[in-house]
Protein backbone atom coordinates (compact mmCIF):
# COMPACT_ATOMS: atom_id res chain seq x y z
CA MET A 1 -1.22 -1.42 -19.79
CA THR A 2 -4.44 -2.17 -18.20
CA THR A 3 -6.54 -0.13 -16.08
CA PRO A 4 -4.08 0.55 -12.91
CA PRO A 5 -5.37 -1.97 -9.71
CA LEU A 6 -7.20 -0.61 -6.60
CA ILE A 7 -5.55 -0.49 -3.72
CA LEU A 8 -7.00 -0.41 -0.19
CA ALA A 9 -5.53 0.58 3.04
CA LEU A 10 -6.66 0.32 6.14
CA GLY A 11 -6.10 1.74 9.50
CA GLU A 12 -3.80 4.71 11.34
CA ILE A 13 -2.54 7.42 9.30
CA LEU A 14 -0.72 9.76 11.94
CA TRP A 15 2.13 12.41 12.71
CA ASP A 16 5.71 10.28 13.16
CA LEU A 17 7.58 12.76 15.62
CA LEU A 18 10.99 12.73 14.96
CA PRO A 19 13.90 13.94 16.78
CA ASP A 20 14.41 15.98 13.80
CA GLY A 21 10.82 17.94 12.85
CA LYS A 22 7.21 15.52 12.78
CA GLN A 23 6.87 13.54 9.23
CA LEU A 24 3.80 11.49 7.66
CA GLY A 25 3.55 8.14 9.46
CA GLY A 26 1.20 5.34 9.64
CA ALA A 27 2.38 1.82 7.97
CA PRO A 28 -1.39 1.87 5.42
CA GLY A 29 -0.51 6.14 4.22
CA ASN A 30 3.09 4.67 4.09
CA PHE A 31 2.09 1.82 1.88
CA ALA A 32 -0.54 3.79 0.31
CA PHE A 33 2.54 6.42 -0.74
CA HIS A 34 4.10 3.49 -2.09
CA ALA A 35 1.71 1.83 -4.19
CA ALA A 36 0.98 4.99 -5.86
CA GLN A 37 4.00 5.97 -7.06
CA LEU A 38 3.97 2.53 -8.49
CA GLY A 39 1.36 3.06 -10.36
CA ALA A 40 -1.56 1.62 -8.13
CA ARG A 41 -4.72 3.53 -7.71
CA SER A 42 -4.50 4.06 -3.70
CA LEU A 43 -7.33 4.85 -1.35
CA THR A 44 -5.91 5.43 2.37
CA ILE A 45 -9.41 4.60 4.86
CA SER A 46 -8.12 6.27 7.82
CA ALA A 47 -9.20 9.51 10.12
CA VAL A 48 -7.79 12.94 11.00
CA GLY A 49 -8.95 14.99 13.42
CA ASP A 50 -10.87 18.34 12.65
CA ASP A 51 -7.71 19.94 14.06
CA ALA A 52 -4.20 21.87 12.57
CA LEU A 53 -2.51 18.74 12.50
CA GLY A 54 -5.06 16.62 10.49
CA ARG A 55 -5.37 19.63 8.56
CA GLU A 56 -1.98 19.03 7.82
CA ILE A 57 -2.00 15.89 6.79
CA LEU A 58 -5.06 16.21 4.30
CA GLY A 59 -2.80 19.00 2.80
CA ARG A 60 0.50 16.76 2.75
CA LEU A 61 -1.73 13.96 0.77
CA ALA A 62 -3.39 15.62 -2.12
CA SER A 63 0.36 17.29 -2.40
CA LEU A 64 1.22 13.94 -3.12
CA HIS A 65 -0.91 13.56 -5.26
CA LEU A 66 -3.16 11.08 -3.02
CA ALA A 67 -7.17 10.70 -2.33
CA THR A 68 -8.43 11.70 0.65
CA GLU A 69 -12.33 11.05 0.41
CA PHE A 70 -12.08 8.19 2.38
CA ILE A 71 -10.19 9.98 5.30
CA ASN A 72 -12.64 10.87 7.60
CA VAL A 73 -12.88 14.19 9.74
CA ASP A 74 -13.48 13.30 13.58
CA PRO A 75 -14.82 16.69 15.43
CA TYR A 76 -14.35 15.04 18.78
CA HIS A 77 -10.86 12.71 18.29
CA PRO A 78 -7.28 14.68 18.63
CA THR A 79 -5.37 13.70 14.37
CA GLY A 80 -2.67 10.51 15.69
CA THR A 81 0.87 11.28 16.65
CA VAL A 82 3.10 8.86 17.66
CA THR A 83 6.92 10.05 19.24
CA VAL A 84 9.51 8.06 17.98
CA SER A 85 13.63 7.52 19.00
CA LEU A 86 15.86 5.82 17.36
CA ASP A 87 19.06 4.34 18.29
CA SER A 88 22.48 4.36 17.35
CA ALA A 89 21.88 2.09 13.79
CA GLY A 90 18.79 4.69 13.39
CA HIS A 91 16.25 1.69 14.09
CA PRO A 92 12.91 3.12 15.70
CA SER A 93 10.59 3.10 18.75
CA TYR A 94 7.44 4.20 18.59
CA ALA A 95 5.44 5.44 21.64
CA ILE A 96 1.77 5.55 19.67
CA HIS A 97 -0.87 7.87 21.33
CA GLU A 98 -4.73 6.79 22.94
CA ASN A 99 -7.41 7.52 21.86
CA THR A 100 -7.24 9.23 18.25
CA ALA A 101 -8.38 10.06 15.23
CA TRP A 102 -7.67 6.87 13.80
CA ASP A 103 -9.36 4.62 16.43
CA PHE A 104 -12.73 5.57 15.68
CA ILE A 105 -12.74 4.94 12.00
CA PRO A 106 -16.67 5.23 10.73
CA THR A 107 -18.00 2.12 8.05
CA THR A 108 -19.77 3.99 5.58
CA PRO A 109 -21.40 2.95 2.75
CA GLY A 110 -18.68 4.38 0.80
CA LEU A 111 -16.54 2.50 2.36
CA LEU A 112 -18.42 -0.54 1.59
CA GLU A 113 -18.84 0.36 -1.69
CA ILE A 114 -15.49 1.32 -2.76
CA ALA A 115 -14.18 -2.57 -0.88
CA ALA A 116 -16.33 -4.63 -3.62
CA LYS A 117 -14.31 -2.96 -6.72
CA ALA A 118 -10.97 -3.61 -5.46
CA ASP A 119 -7.99 -6.04 -6.53
CA CYS A 120 -6.26 -5.47 -3.32
CA VAL A 121 -7.06 -5.06 0.60
CA CYS A 122 -3.98 -4.21 3.39
CA PHE A 123 -4.53 -4.08 6.53
CA GLY A 124 -2.79 -4.96 9.98
CA THR A 125 -2.87 -5.41 13.54
CA LEU A 126 -2.29 -1.78 14.81
CA ALA A 127 -5.56 -0.26 14.38
CA GLN A 128 -7.48 -3.01 15.43
CA ARG A 129 -6.58 -2.28 19.02
CA SER A 130 -10.35 -0.06 18.78
CA PRO A 131 -13.20 -1.39 19.25
CA THR A 132 -14.65 0.80 16.39
CA SER A 133 -11.67 0.81 14.07
CA ARG A 134 -11.58 -3.35 14.08
CA GLN A 135 -15.06 -3.47 13.16
CA THR A 136 -14.94 -0.67 9.87
CA ILE A 137 -11.59 -2.73 8.87
CA HIS A 138 -13.73 -6.24 8.89
CA ALA A 139 -16.78 -4.94 7.23
CA ALA A 140 -15.00 -3.66 4.42
CA LEU A 141 -13.39 -7.07 4.47
CA ALA A 142 -16.17 -8.95 4.24
CA ARG A 143 -17.01 -6.90 0.81
CA THR A 144 -13.74 -7.80 -0.84
CA ARG A 145 -14.37 -9.78 -4.11
CA PRO A 146 -13.06 -13.86 -3.48
CA ASP A 147 -10.65 -12.55 -5.77
CA CYS A 148 -9.15 -9.58 -3.90
CA LEU A 149 -5.67 -9.81 -2.30
CA ARG A 150 -5.61 -9.64 1.28
CA ILE A 151 -2.72 -8.76 3.02
CA LEU A 152 -2.00 -8.71 6.28
CA ASP A 153 0.75 -6.69 7.80
CA ILE A 154 1.09 -7.75 11.20
CA ASN A 155 2.68 -4.22 13.50
CA PHE A 156 2.65 -5.81 16.78
CA ARG A 157 3.18 -2.58 18.51
CA GLN A 158 3.27 -1.73 22.52
CA ASN A 159 0.23 -4.39 23.96
CA TYR A 160 -1.58 -3.56 21.42
CA PHE A 161 -2.49 -6.84 20.27
CA SER A 162 -4.33 -10.05 20.66
CA ARG A 163 -4.02 -13.35 20.08
CA GLU A 164 -7.87 -13.12 19.54
CA ILE A 165 -7.14 -10.40 16.75
CA VAL A 166 -4.24 -11.87 15.08
CA GLU A 167 -6.27 -15.09 14.47
CA GLN A 168 -9.47 -12.85 13.71
CA SER A 169 -6.45 -11.14 10.92
CA LEU A 170 -5.20 -14.20 9.44
CA ARG A 171 -8.77 -15.93 8.79
CA LEU A 172 -9.43 -13.22 6.52
CA ALA A 173 -5.95 -12.72 4.83
CA SER A 174 -4.97 -14.37 1.69
CA VAL A 175 -0.86 -12.76 2.13
CA LEU A 176 0.85 -12.74 5.03
CA LYS A 177 3.78 -10.34 5.39
CA ILE A 178 5.65 -10.15 8.99
CA ASN A 179 9.53 -9.54 9.71
CA ASP A 180 11.79 -11.41 11.69
CA GLN A 181 11.56 -10.13 14.61
CA GLU A 182 7.92 -10.09 14.44
CA LEU A 183 7.80 -13.77 13.83
CA PRO A 184 8.93 -15.46 17.28
CA VAL A 185 6.16 -13.16 18.88
CA LEU A 186 3.49 -14.66 16.57
CA ALA A 187 4.24 -18.20 16.71
CA GLY A 188 4.30 -18.01 20.64
CA LEU A 189 1.34 -15.88 20.58
CA LEU A 190 -0.47 -18.59 18.82
CA GLY A 191 1.49 -21.66 20.22
CA LEU A 192 2.99 -22.76 16.73
CA ALA A 193 5.07 -25.75 17.53
CA GLY A 194 8.35 -26.97 14.98
CA ASP A 195 7.97 -24.74 11.90
CA PRO A 196 5.83 -21.73 12.35
CA ILE A 197 6.06 -21.03 8.29
CA ARG A 198 4.75 -24.24 7.70
CA ALA A 199 2.22 -24.14 10.85
CA LEU A 200 0.90 -20.98 9.36
CA LEU A 201 0.63 -22.26 6.02
CA ALA A 202 -0.80 -25.35 6.89
CA GLY A 203 -3.30 -23.94 9.45
CA TYR A 204 -4.67 -21.30 7.68
CA ARG A 205 -5.57 -20.23 3.61
CA LEU A 206 -2.71 -18.33 2.31
CA ARG A 207 -1.01 -18.23 -0.71
CA LEU A 208 1.92 -16.30 0.35
CA ILE A 209 3.86 -15.27 3.01
CA ALA A 210 6.39 -12.77 3.18
CA ILE A 211 9.27 -12.34 5.84
CA THR A 212 11.33 -8.95 5.65
CA ARG A 213 14.44 -9.60 8.09
CA GLY A 214 16.26 -5.77 7.80
CA GLY A 215 19.73 -5.65 6.58
CA SER A 216 19.96 -9.24 6.30
CA GLY A 217 17.12 -9.42 2.96
CA SER A 218 13.20 -11.05 2.54
CA ALA A 219 12.10 -14.20 2.48
CA LEU A 220 8.76 -15.63 0.06
CA TYR A 221 6.92 -18.81 1.01
CA SER A 222 4.40 -19.62 -1.30
CA ALA A 223 1.58 -22.62 -1.07
CA ASP A 224 2.77 -24.82 -3.30
CA GLY A 225 5.93 -25.28 -1.03
CA SER A 226 8.25 -23.09 -2.82
CA LEU A 227 11.11 -20.91 -1.21
CA TYR A 228 12.30 -17.49 -3.23
CA GLU A 229 15.42 -16.43 -0.77
CA HIS A 230 16.95 -12.43 -1.34
CA PRO A 231 19.72 -11.39 0.44
CA GLY A 232 18.67 -7.73 0.37
CA HIS A 233 20.79 -4.57 -1.21
CA PRO A 234 22.99 -2.42 1.07
CA ALA A 235 21.57 0.76 1.86
CA GLN A 236 23.91 2.82 1.19
CA PRO A 237 23.97 5.49 3.05
CA LEU A 238 21.27 4.49 6.36
CA VAL A 239 19.28 7.47 7.25
CA ASP A 240 16.94 5.34 9.29
CA THR A 241 14.52 2.72 9.10
CA ILE A 242 10.80 4.19 8.76
CA GLY A 243 8.87 3.09 6.89
CA ALA A 244 10.95 0.48 4.95
CA GLY A 245 8.99 -2.39 5.71
CA ASP A 246 5.58 -0.72 3.92
CA SER A 247 6.91 0.30 0.75
CA PHE A 248 8.36 -3.54 0.73
CA THR A 249 4.88 -4.69 1.22
CA ALA A 250 3.74 -2.31 -1.90
CA GLY A 251 6.24 -3.68 -3.98
CA LEU A 252 5.05 -7.02 -2.96
CA ALA A 253 1.57 -5.95 -3.57
CA VAL A 254 2.00 -4.68 -7.17
CA GLY A 255 4.16 -7.42 -8.17
CA LEU A 256 1.65 -10.21 -7.66
CA LEU A 257 -1.40 -7.86 -8.88
CA ARG A 258 1.27 -7.34 -12.03
CA ASN A 259 1.68 -11.60 -11.78
CA MET A 260 5.52 -10.80 -11.56
CA PRO A 261 7.41 -14.18 -10.36
CA LEU A 262 8.75 -13.87 -7.65
CA LYS A 263 11.74 -13.60 -7.49
CA GLN A 264 11.83 -10.67 -9.34
CA ILE A 265 8.91 -8.76 -6.94
CA ASN A 266 11.50 -10.26 -4.34
CA ASP A 267 14.42 -8.55 -5.61
CA LEU A 268 12.62 -5.10 -6.63
CA ALA A 269 10.94 -4.60 -2.96
CA SER A 270 13.52 -5.53 -1.21
CA ARG A 271 15.69 -2.48 -4.00
CA LEU A 272 12.76 0.00 -2.73
CA ALA A 273 12.68 -0.84 0.60
CA SER A 274 16.61 -0.33 0.50
CA PHE A 275 16.28 3.00 -0.54
CA VAL A 276 13.51 4.54 1.47
CA CYS A 277 16.37 3.21 4.32
CA THR A 278 18.72 5.90 2.97
CA ARG A 279 15.98 9.17 3.01
CA PRO A 280 14.30 10.53 6.65
CA GLY A 281 11.34 9.46 7.11
CA ALA A 282 9.16 6.93 5.52
CA THR A 283 7.17 8.43 2.05
CA PRO A 284 10.56 9.78 -0.19
CA ALA A 285 9.77 9.82 -3.99
CA LEU A 286 11.05 7.07 -5.88
CA PRO A 287 13.83 8.00 -8.05
CA ALA A 288 13.21 7.33 -12.17
CA ASP A 289 16.11 4.51 -12.76
CA LEU A 290 14.09 2.73 -9.77
CA LEU A 291 10.60 2.92 -10.93
CA SER A 292 11.95 2.51 -14.38
CA ARG A 293 11.78 -1.23 -13.25
CA TRP A 294 8.82 -1.56 -13.01
CA SER A 295 7.94 -0.23 -16.60
CA ASN A 296 6.58 -2.44 -18.75
CA PRO A 297 5.25 -5.64 -16.51
CA PRO A 298 2.82 -8.65 -17.67
CA PRO A 299 -0.40 -7.27 -17.38
CA LEU A 300 -2.37 -7.48 -14.35
CA VAL A 301 -4.20 -10.51 -13.04
CA THR A 302 -5.51 -10.73 -9.23
CA LEU A 303 -3.40 -13.88 -6.87
CA CYS A 304 -6.34 -15.17 -5.04
């Protein structure tokens, strides 16, 4: 294979406080972890507090062989935490605590330099709830190359989003990843009438829209009008769904960078998400038989 692609994950990193204990969480960290398992060089751009929970995150990432040099240690704000509750089907709900370190991710010369080298940047809406982190995310995206894959992973949580943030983010993205529960919220927020997928592809410079549908599979809509649907792979046993969407996005990113056919990407990303649902938390190690499906892919190329 050629040099592994450089993938940046911009946004929150935190502890999910689950009923059975805490798990490393935050969509960007989850995404970076799975992208690294699939062979990418992935960097998380975030911040933790100068506290025990922050040091534990840095130690956990190091034990997972993930780089931490772009995770700022904030002496003024605590490490982020989210209280997670699960319903009888294992679906999570979140209480996200405010004014934590990842609300204050700084813009640094090192970040701007590495952003200019990135093959892919994944960002969401949650970390943009604060002006400081939003400015940093936009500054990093502005430094990316024209051929960089820019994935917007919509994550509507509580009231931490607005039409302005969503529209700005869509204008900066080349790929949109969203789930079937978020899509009608997005359509209502933007006032999209009729077919929201067609309206999004027509209104923004998106190459691809990926929709995950939980246990009902996923769909990939390309700008040329092609549609690739997948029924999904059953998660047996279903433990929880935390991080499943993030693992799907990681599979999507790596597959696109490797120039895999969209049908194959949809299948493999669905397999990843299904496996994550069979383990507690968002960052289980992927088994060898699943990783082997990603071996010997076509050469790496950029999409945009």
